[in-house]
């Protein structure tokens, strides 16, 4: 059990990659704090972990609000006296993949669509990293994994999403430099297509075209992304920091 007695906080853990990561961490012995904007989904993740004998609790917070993020971190450290791992998984997209690609182009994108994605994906990641760094610096240890996307390389119809994920990449590398003196590793996972609710609404014809661009010709399972998260926060990855790791079936090779 590589994560035995470690304390982890995972945002967006109500379903998909976040939930799979919470299940994996718990199976590795971690105590897991679950955050999600959908409280019912988050509590279902908690219940599923507890039913298998794991330790978990739900911690509410809107990650775009500093006060709520700080309160979330306080709840975790008050309960378990430390914070060893932060996984920034929460994210949204407001592109046009589920409608028509050209409707999401920058010439048609409204300001609300831009702001909402930047606020959740980039600002939310920043606020969570900033707040989590406080107890990690005090204990002189910690692991943070952020979530970017293959979209950080640029995609038509995804100016907001691509910008937010590219920003997360830059944030990751900067934090890795700043936090290294405190024995805190900061890395970033950049998934390609994953079987989640976010991709479930992609029309069949568009999905067929997407699969043809992936060398492995399939979408990833959430558990495959969770496995990389588990490795990066383990002691086995203690010399890895500041990295952006694509886990995309080879999709980035053609970009």
C-alpha atoms as a PDB file:
ATOM      1  CA  UNK A   1       0.000   0.000   0.000  1.00  0.00           C
ATOM      2  CA  UNK A   2       2.107   2.877  -1.347  1.00  0.00           C
ATOM      3  CA  UNK A   3      -0.036   5.619   0.195  1.00  0.00           C
ATOM      4  CA  UNK A   4      -0.719   4.094   3.604  1.00  0.00           C
ATOM      5  CA  UNK A   5      -1.786   6.767   6.112  1.00  0.00           C
ATOM      6  CA  UNK A   6      -1.217   9.599   3.638  1.00  0.00           C
ATOM      7  CA  UNK A   7      -3.821  12.379   3.645  1.00  0.00           C
ATOM      8  CA  UNK A   8      -5.102  13.363   0.211  1.00  0.00           C
ATOM      9  CA  UNK A   9      -7.507  16.001  -1.053  1.00  0.00           C
ATOM     10  CA  UNK A  10      -9.025  15.527  -4.498  1.00  0.00           C
ATOM     11  CA  UNK A  11     -11.183  18.156  -6.177  1.00  0.00           C
ATOM     12  CA  UNK A  12     -13.852  17.161  -8.669  1.00  0.00           C
ATOM     13  CA  UNK A  13     -13.965  13.676  -7.162  1.00  0.00           C
ATOM     14  CA  UNK A  14     -17.689  13.055  -7.552  1.00  0.00           C
ATOM     15  CA  UNK A  15     -17.294  11.128 -10.782  1.00  0.00           C
ATOM     16  CA  UNK A  16     -14.938  10.385 -13.663  1.00  0.00           C
ATOM     17  CA  UNK A  17     -11.186  10.748 -13.229  1.00  0.00           C
ATOM     18  CA  UNK A  18     -11.507  12.333  -9.781  1.00  0.00           C
ATOM     19  CA  UNK A  19     -13.635   9.516  -8.458  1.00  0.00           C
ATOM     20  CA  UNK A  20     -11.375   6.863  -9.977  1.00  0.00           C
ATOM     21  CA  UNK A  21      -8.389   8.593  -8.380  1.00  0.00           C
ATOM     22  CA  UNK A  22     -10.107   8.687  -4.992  1.00  0.00           C
ATOM     23  CA  UNK A  23     -10.853   4.965  -5.225  1.00  0.00           C
ATOM     24  CA  UNK A  24      -7.243   4.209  -6.235  1.00  0.00           C
ATOM     25  CA  UNK A  25      -5.762   6.313  -3.440  1.00  0.00           C
ATOM     26  CA  UNK A  26      -8.030   4.672  -0.883  1.00  0.00           C
ATOM     27  CA  UNK A  27      -7.055   1.215  -2.123  1.00  0.00           C
ATOM     28  CA  UNK A  28      -3.430   2.262  -1.602  1.00  0.00           C
ATOM     29  CA  UNK A  29      -4.160   3.144   2.037  1.00  0.00           C
ATOM     30  CA  UNK A  30      -4.713   6.902   1.846  1.00  0.00           C
ATOM     31  CA  UNK A  31      -7.276   8.880   3.798  1.00  0.00           C
ATOM     32  CA  UNK A  32      -9.183  10.862   1.211  1.00  0.00           C
ATOM     33  CA  UNK A  33     -10.996  14.192   1.421  1.00  0.00           C
ATOM     34  CA  UNK A  34     -13.505  14.517  -1.410  1.00  0.00           C
ATOM     35  CA  UNK A  35     -14.498  17.838  -2.966  1.00  0.00           C
ATOM     36  CA  UNK A  36     -17.004  18.349  -5.771  1.00  0.00           C
ATOM     37  CA  UNK A  37     -19.412  21.062  -6.844  1.00  0.00           C
ATOM     38  CA  UNK A  38     -22.052  18.307  -6.975  1.00  0.00           C
ATOM     39  CA  UNK A  39     -22.387  17.486  -3.279  1.00  0.00           C
ATOM     40  CA  UNK A  40     -24.568  14.419  -3.856  1.00  0.00           C
ATOM     41  CA  UNK A  41     -22.025  12.902  -6.245  1.00  0.00           C
ATOM     42  CA  UNK A  42     -19.189  13.719  -3.849  1.00  0.00           C
ATOM     43  CA  UNK A  43     -20.941  12.084  -0.925  1.00  0.00           C
ATOM     44  CA  UNK A  44     -21.615   9.003  -3.049  1.00  0.00           C
ATOM     45  CA  UNK A  45     -17.879   8.708  -3.642  1.00  0.00           C
ATOM     46  CA  UNK A  46     -17.311   8.977   0.102  1.00  0.00           C
ATOM     47  CA  UNK A  47     -19.904   6.282   0.818  1.00  0.00           C
ATOM     48  CA  UNK A  48     -18.373   3.940  -1.755  1.00  0.00           C
ATOM     49  CA  UNK A  49     -14.952   4.315  -0.119  1.00  0.00           C
ATOM     50  CA  UNK A  50     -16.317   3.813   3.378  1.00  0.00           C
ATOM     51  CA  UNK A  51     -18.245   0.705   2.315  1.00  0.00           C
ATOM     52  CA  UNK A  52     -14.915  -0.841   1.347  1.00  0.00           C
ATOM     53  CA  UNK A  53     -13.387   0.028   4.707  1.00  0.00           C
ATOM     54  CA  UNK A  54     -11.564   3.185   3.648  1.00  0.00           C
ATOM     55  CA  UNK A  55     -11.424   6.583   5.349  1.00  0.00           C
ATOM     56  CA  UNK A  56     -13.043   9.483   3.526  1.00  0.00           C
ATOM     57  CA  UNK A  57     -15.172  12.555   4.093  1.00  0.00           C
ATOM     58  CA  UNK A  58     -16.794  15.195   1.942  1.00  0.00           C
ATOM     59  CA  UNK A  59     -15.507  18.754   2.124  1.00  0.00           C
ATOM     60  CA  UNK A  60     -17.523  21.437   0.307  1.00  0.00           C
ATOM     61  CA  UNK A  61     -15.975  24.436  -1.425  1.00  0.00           C
ATOM     62  CA  UNK A  62     -16.356  26.536  -4.517  1.00  0.00           C
ATOM     63  CA  UNK A  63     -12.749  26.434  -5.713  1.00  0.00           C
ATOM     64  CA  UNK A  64     -13.050  29.857  -7.375  1.00  0.00           C
ATOM     65  CA  UNK A  65     -13.469  31.511  -3.964  1.00  0.00           C
ATOM     66  CA  UNK A  66     -10.369  31.945  -1.806  1.00  0.00           C
ATOM     67  CA  UNK A  67     -12.219  31.911   1.518  1.00  0.00           C
ATOM     68  CA  UNK A  68     -13.942  28.625   0.726  1.00  0.00           C
ATOM     69  CA  UNK A  69     -10.734  27.005  -0.499  1.00  0.00           C
ATOM     70  CA  UNK A  70      -8.877  28.046   2.651  1.00  0.00           C
ATOM     71  CA  UNK A  71     -11.735  26.713   4.784  1.00  0.00           C
ATOM     72  CA  UNK A  72     -11.579  23.417   2.869  1.00  0.00           C
ATOM     73  CA  UNK A  73      -7.865  23.013   3.593  1.00  0.00           C
ATOM     74  CA  UNK A  74      -8.471  23.898   7.248  1.00  0.00           C
ATOM     75  CA  UNK A  75     -11.145  21.203   7.527  1.00  0.00           C
ATOM     76  CA  UNK A  76      -8.785  18.570   6.179  1.00  0.00           C
ATOM     77  CA  UNK A  77      -5.881  19.528   8.436  1.00  0.00           C
ATOM     78  CA  UNK A  78      -8.105  19.860  11.499  1.00  0.00           C
ATOM     79  CA  UNK A  79      -9.483  16.374  10.911  1.00  0.00           C
ATOM     80  CA  UNK A  80      -6.277  14.548   9.972  1.00  0.00           C
ATOM     81  CA  UNK A  81      -3.583  16.976  11.249  1.00  0.00           C
ATOM     82  CA  UNK A  82      -1.756  17.169   7.929  1.00  0.00           C
ATOM     83  CA  UNK A  83      -2.096  17.295   4.154  1.00  0.00           C
ATOM     84  CA  UNK A  84       0.246  15.143   2.099  1.00  0.00           C
ATOM     85  CA  UNK A  85      -1.378  15.159  -1.331  1.00  0.00           C
ATOM     86  CA  UNK A  86      -3.438  17.564  -3.408  1.00  0.00           C
ATOM     87  CA  UNK A  87      -4.933  16.505  -6.730  1.00  0.00           C
ATOM     88  CA  UNK A  88      -6.426  19.398  -8.678  1.00  0.00           C
ATOM     89  CA  UNK A  89      -8.874  17.537 -10.874  1.00  0.00           C
ATOM     90  CA  UNK A  90     -11.925  19.815 -10.937  1.00  0.00           C
ATOM     91  CA  UNK A  91     -12.538  21.447 -14.288  1.00  0.00           C
ATOM     92  CA  UNK A  92     -15.158  22.473 -16.812  1.00  0.00           C
ATOM     93  CA  UNK A  93     -15.291  23.140 -20.525  1.00  0.00           C
ATOM     94  CA  UNK A  94     -17.553  25.494 -22.400  1.00  0.00           C
ATOM     95  CA  UNK A  95     -16.425  24.729 -25.940  1.00  0.00           C
ATOM     96  CA  UNK A  96     -18.487  23.555 -28.875  1.00  0.00           C
ATOM     97  CA  UNK A  97     -17.465  19.898 -29.127  1.00  0.00           C
ATOM     98  CA  UNK A  98     -20.932  18.900 -27.986  1.00  0.00           C
ATOM     99  CA  UNK A  99     -22.622  21.281 -30.419  1.00  0.00           C
ATOM    100  CA  UNK A 100     -20.805  22.547 -33.509  1.00  0.00           C
ATOM    101  CA  UNK A 101     -17.065  23.190 -33.547  1.00  0.00           C
ATOM    102  CA  UNK A 102     -17.253  26.621 -35.206  1.00  0.00           C
ATOM    103  CA  UNK A 103     -19.741  27.886 -32.598  1.00  0.00           C
ATOM    104  CA  UNK A 104     -16.907  27.789 -30.083  1.00  0.00           C
ATOM    105  CA  UNK A 105     -14.405  29.761 -32.142  1.00  0.00           C
ATOM    106  CA  UNK A 106     -13.013  32.870 -30.527  1.00  0.00           C
ATOM    107  CA  UNK A 107     -14.908  35.174 -32.878  1.00  0.00           C
ATOM    108  CA  UNK A 108     -18.181  33.829 -31.442  1.00  0.00           C
ATOM    109  CA  UNK A 109     -17.144  33.054 -27.862  1.00  0.00           C
ATOM    110  CA  UNK A 110     -18.822  35.275 -25.303  1.00  0.00           C
ATOM    111  CA  UNK A 111     -17.074  36.710 -22.269  1.00  0.00           C
ATOM    112  CA  UNK A 112     -18.997  34.549 -19.797  1.00  0.00           C
ATOM    113  CA  UNK A 113     -17.847  31.368 -21.519  1.00  0.00           C
ATOM    114  CA  UNK A 114     -14.250  32.584 -21.296  1.00  0.00           C
ATOM    115  CA  UNK A 115     -14.419  33.759 -17.678  1.00  0.00           C
ATOM    116  CA  UNK A 116     -16.193  30.686 -16.291  1.00  0.00           C
ATOM    117  CA  UNK A 117     -13.612  28.262 -17.702  1.00  0.00           C
ATOM    118  CA  UNK A 118     -10.593  30.358 -16.691  1.00  0.00           C
ATOM    119  CA  UNK A 119     -12.010  30.852 -13.194  1.00  0.00           C
ATOM    120  CA  UNK A 120     -12.674  27.184 -12.477  1.00  0.00           C
ATOM    121  CA  UNK A 121      -9.758  25.574 -14.290  1.00  0.00           C
ATOM    122  CA  UNK A 122      -6.909  28.029 -13.795  1.00  0.00           C
ATOM    123  CA  UNK A 123      -7.867  30.263 -10.880  1.00  0.00           C
ATOM    124  CA  UNK A 124      -9.319  27.295  -8.987  1.00  0.00           C
ATOM    125  CA  UNK A 125      -6.102  25.324  -9.420  1.00  0.00           C
ATOM    126  CA  UNK A 126      -4.040  28.315  -8.298  1.00  0.00           C
ATOM    127  CA  UNK A 127      -6.138  28.914  -5.176  1.00  0.00           C
ATOM    128  CA  UNK A 128      -6.021  25.251  -4.159  1.00  0.00           C
ATOM    129  CA  UNK A 129      -2.249  25.059  -4.674  1.00  0.00           C
ATOM    130  CA  UNK A 130      -1.712  28.267  -2.735  1.00  0.00           C
ATOM    131  CA  UNK A 131      -3.809  27.145   0.241  1.00  0.00           C
ATOM    132  CA  UNK A 132      -2.426  23.590   0.289  1.00  0.00           C
ATOM    133  CA  UNK A 133       1.128  24.880   0.207  1.00  0.00           C
ATOM    134  CA  UNK A 134       0.721  26.360   3.700  1.00  0.00           C
ATOM    135  CA  UNK A 135       0.500  23.069   5.655  1.00  0.00           C
ATOM    136  CA  UNK A 136       2.858  21.336   3.215  1.00  0.00           C
ATOM    137  CA  UNK A 137       5.545  23.966   3.780  1.00  0.00           C
ATOM    138  CA  UNK A 138       5.072  23.658   7.539  1.00  0.00           C
ATOM    139  CA  UNK A 139       5.525  19.879   7.429  1.00  0.00           C
ATOM    140  CA  UNK A 140       8.272  20.181   4.776  1.00  0.00           C
ATOM    141  CA  UNK A 141       6.722  17.597   2.469  1.00  0.00           C
ATOM    142  CA  UNK A 142       3.938  17.268  -0.028  1.00  0.00           C
ATOM    143  CA  UNK A 143       2.811  16.164  -3.461  1.00  0.00           C
ATOM    144  CA  UNK A 144       0.633  18.176  -5.841  1.00  0.00           C
ATOM    145  CA  UNK A 145      -0.641  16.956  -9.193  1.00  0.00           C
ATOM    146  CA  UNK A 146      -2.515  19.332 -11.449  1.00  0.00           C
ATOM    147  CA  UNK A 147      -4.656  18.478 -14.452  1.00  0.00           C
ATOM    148  CA  UNK A 148      -3.995  19.996 -17.849  1.00  0.00           C
ATOM    149  CA  UNK A 149      -5.116  18.448 -21.146  1.00  0.00           C
ATOM    150  CA  UNK A 150      -3.923  17.632 -24.644  1.00  0.00           C
ATOM    151  CA  UNK A 151      -5.979  20.735 -25.483  1.00  0.00           C
ATOM    152  CA  UNK A 152      -3.156  22.860 -24.039  1.00  0.00           C
ATOM    153  CA  UNK A 153      -1.480  22.368 -27.433  1.00  0.00           C
ATOM    154  CA  UNK A 154      -4.389  24.169 -29.102  1.00  0.00           C
ATOM    155  CA  UNK A 155      -7.753  23.056 -30.484  1.00  0.00           C
ATOM    156  CA  UNK A 156     -10.263  24.805 -32.722  1.00  0.00           C
ATOM    157  CA  UNK A 157     -13.310  25.835 -30.708  1.00  0.00           C
ATOM    158  CA  UNK A 158     -11.484  25.578 -27.366  1.00  0.00           C
ATOM    159  CA  UNK A 159      -9.750  28.934 -26.871  1.00  0.00           C
ATOM    160  CA  UNK A 160     -10.975  29.200 -23.272  1.00  0.00           C
ATOM    161  CA  UNK A 161     -10.281  25.586 -22.320  1.00  0.00           C
ATOM    162  CA  UNK A 162      -6.912  25.427 -24.113  1.00  0.00           C
ATOM    163  CA  UNK A 163      -5.751  28.676 -22.504  1.00  0.00           C
ATOM    164  CA  UNK A 164      -6.755  27.481 -19.043  1.00  0.00           C
ATOM    165  CA  UNK A 165      -4.909  24.185 -19.444  1.00  0.00           C
ATOM    166  CA  UNK A 166      -1.798  25.786 -20.907  1.00  0.00           C
ATOM    167  CA  UNK A 167      -1.843  28.150 -17.930  1.00  0.00           C
ATOM    168  CA  UNK A 168      -1.943  25.186 -15.575  1.00  0.00           C
ATOM    169  CA  UNK A 169       1.177  23.852 -17.256  1.00  0.00           C
ATOM    170  CA  UNK A 170       3.046  27.099 -16.630  1.00  0.00           C
ATOM    171  CA  UNK A 171       1.715  27.304 -13.083  1.00  0.00           C
ATOM    172  CA  UNK A 172       2.914  23.758 -12.391  1.00  0.00           C
ATOM    173  CA  UNK A 173       6.468  24.435 -13.526  1.00  0.00           C
ATOM    174  CA  UNK A 174       6.666  27.671 -11.525  1.00  0.00           C
ATOM    175  CA  UNK A 175       5.322  26.088  -8.337  1.00  0.00           C
ATOM    176  CA  UNK A 176       7.730  23.172  -8.734  1.00  0.00           C
ATOM    177  CA  UNK A 177      10.610  25.660  -8.608  1.00  0.00           C
ATOM    178  CA  UNK A 178       9.187  27.660  -5.701  1.00  0.00           C
ATOM    179  CA  UNK A 179       8.211  24.684  -3.543  1.00  0.00           C
ATOM    180  CA  UNK A 180      11.168  22.358  -4.177  1.00  0.00           C
ATOM    181  CA  UNK A 181      13.125  23.747  -1.172  1.00  0.00           C
ATOM    182  CA  UNK A 182      10.309  22.466   1.049  1.00  0.00           C
ATOM    183  CA  UNK A 183      10.371  18.927  -0.406  1.00  0.00           C
ATOM    184  CA  UNK A 184       7.097  19.512  -2.250  1.00  0.00           C
ATOM    185  CA  UNK A 185       6.803  17.954  -5.694  1.00  0.00           C
ATOM    186  CA  UNK A 186       4.452  19.556  -8.227  1.00  0.00           C
ATOM    187  CA  UNK A 187       3.585  17.785 -11.469  1.00  0.00           C
ATOM    188  CA  UNK A 188       0.908  17.965 -14.129  1.00  0.00           C
ATOM    189  CA  UNK A 189      -1.019  15.303 -16.018  1.00  0.00           C
ATOM    190  CA  UNK A 190      -2.274  16.132 -19.503  1.00  0.00           C
ATOM    191  CA  UNK A 191      -4.885  13.555 -20.553  1.00  0.00           C
ATOM    192  CA  UNK A 192      -6.214  13.112 -24.046  1.00  0.00           C
ATOM    193  CA  UNK A 193      -9.669  11.673 -24.579  1.00  0.00           C
ATOM    194  CA  UNK A 194     -11.074   9.953 -21.497  1.00  0.00           C
ATOM    195  CA  UNK A 195     -14.388   8.180 -21.052  1.00  0.00           C
ATOM    196  CA  UNK A 196     -16.093  10.671 -18.732  1.00  0.00           C
ATOM    197  CA  UNK A 197     -19.321  12.658 -18.615  1.00  0.00           C
ATOM    198  CA  UNK A 198     -17.446  15.568 -20.221  1.00  0.00           C
ATOM    199  CA  UNK A 199     -16.814  13.537 -23.386  1.00  0.00           C
ATOM    200  CA  UNK A 200     -20.018  11.491 -23.356  1.00  0.00           C
ATOM    201  CA  UNK A 201     -21.945  14.175 -25.230  1.00  0.00           C
ATOM    202  CA  UNK A 202     -19.586  14.349 -28.207  1.00  0.00           C
ATOM    203  CA  UNK A 203     -21.583  13.451 -31.342  1.00  0.00           C
ATOM    204  CA  UNK A 204     -20.801  10.053 -32.852  1.00  0.00           C
ATOM    205  CA  UNK A 205     -19.371  11.420 -36.109  1.00  0.00           C
ATOM    206  CA  UNK A 206     -17.006  13.754 -34.259  1.00  0.00           C
ATOM    207  CA  UNK A 207     -16.002  10.924 -31.903  1.00  0.00           C
ATOM    208  CA  UNK A 208     -15.149   8.698 -34.868  1.00  0.00           C
ATOM    209  CA  UNK A 209     -12.868  11.390 -36.259  1.00  0.00           C
ATOM    210  CA  UNK A 210     -11.239  11.919 -32.866  1.00  0.00           C
ATOM    211  CA  UNK A 211     -10.475   8.223 -32.454  1.00  0.00           C
ATOM    212  CA  UNK A 212      -8.789   8.166 -35.836  1.00  0.00           C
ATOM    213  CA  UNK A 213      -6.296  10.772 -34.596  1.00  0.00           C
ATOM    214  CA  UNK A 214      -5.279   8.653 -31.573  1.00  0.00           C
ATOM    215  CA  UNK A 215      -2.529   6.104 -32.352  1.00  0.00           C
ATOM    216  CA  UNK A 216      -4.016   3.609 -29.877  1.00  0.00           C
ATOM    217  CA  UNK A 217      -7.467   4.172 -31.456  1.00  0.00           C
ATOM    218  CA  UNK A 218      -9.380   4.398 -28.196  1.00  0.00           C
ATOM    219  CA  UNK A 219     -10.286   6.664 -25.320  1.00  0.00           C
ATOM    220  CA  UNK A 220      -8.654   6.177 -21.935  1.00  0.00           C
ATOM    221  CA  UNK A 221     -10.462   4.714 -18.957  1.00  0.00           C
ATOM    222  CA  UNK A 222     -10.552   6.995 -15.874  1.00  0.00           C
ATOM    223  CA  UNK A 223      -8.668   4.302 -13.956  1.00  0.00           C
ATOM    224  CA  UNK A 224      -5.705   4.669 -16.310  1.00  0.00           C
ATOM    225  CA  UNK A 225      -5.395   8.348 -15.433  1.00  0.00           C
ATOM    226  CA  UNK A 226      -5.826   7.529 -11.750  1.00  0.00           C
ATOM    227  CA  UNK A 227      -2.906   5.103 -11.946  1.00  0.00           C
ATOM    228  CA  UNK A 228      -0.581   7.897 -13.053  1.00  0.00           C
ATOM    229  CA  UNK A 229      -1.829  10.165 -10.284  1.00  0.00           C
ATOM    230  CA  UNK A 230      -1.112   7.384  -7.782  1.00  0.00           C
ATOM    231  CA  UNK A 231       2.422   6.955  -9.059  1.00  0.00           C
ATOM    232  CA  UNK A 232       3.263  10.663  -9.075  1.00  0.00           C
ATOM    233  CA  UNK A 233       2.219  11.150  -5.438  1.00  0.00           C
ATOM    234  CA  UNK A 234       4.027   8.020  -4.238  1.00  0.00           C
ATOM    235  CA  UNK A 235       7.538   7.804  -2.810  1.00  0.00           C
ATOM    236  CA  UNK A 236       8.636   6.062  -6.007  1.00  0.00           C
ATOM    237  CA  UNK A 237       8.251   9.391  -7.848  1.00  0.00           C
ATOM    238  CA  UNK A 238      10.163  11.436  -5.270  1.00  0.00           C
ATOM    239  CA  UNK A 239      12.646  12.769  -7.867  1.00  0.00           C
ATOM    240  CA  UNK A 240      10.020  13.850 -10.389  1.00  0.00           C
ATOM    241  CA  UNK A 241       8.849  17.443 -10.245  1.00  0.00           C
ATOM    242  CA  UNK A 242       7.850  20.194 -12.661  1.00  0.00           C
ATOM    243  CA  UNK A 243       6.807  17.739 -15.347  1.00  0.00           C
ATOM    244  CA  UNK A 244       3.841  17.846 -17.741  1.00  0.00           C
ATOM    245  CA  UNK A 245       3.078  14.230 -18.607  1.00  0.00           C
ATOM    246  CA  UNK A 246       0.823  13.462 -21.540  1.00  0.00           C
ATOM    247  CA  UNK A 247      -1.353  10.385 -21.091  1.00  0.00           C
ATOM    248  CA  UNK A 248      -3.208  10.370 -24.375  1.00  0.00           C
ATOM    249  CA  UNK A 249      -2.615   7.168 -26.331  1.00  0.00           C
ATOM    250  CA  UNK A 250       0.060   8.940 -28.387  1.00  0.00           C
ATOM    251  CA  UNK A 251      -2.207  11.749 -29.579  1.00  0.00           C
ATOM    252  CA  UNK A 252       0.363  14.497 -28.886  1.00  0.00           C
ATOM    253  CA  UNK A 253       2.898  12.810 -31.181  1.00  0.00           C
ATOM    254  CA  UNK A 254       1.088  14.150 -34.203  1.00  0.00           C
ATOM    255  CA  UNK A 255       0.737  17.703 -32.873  1.00  0.00           C
END
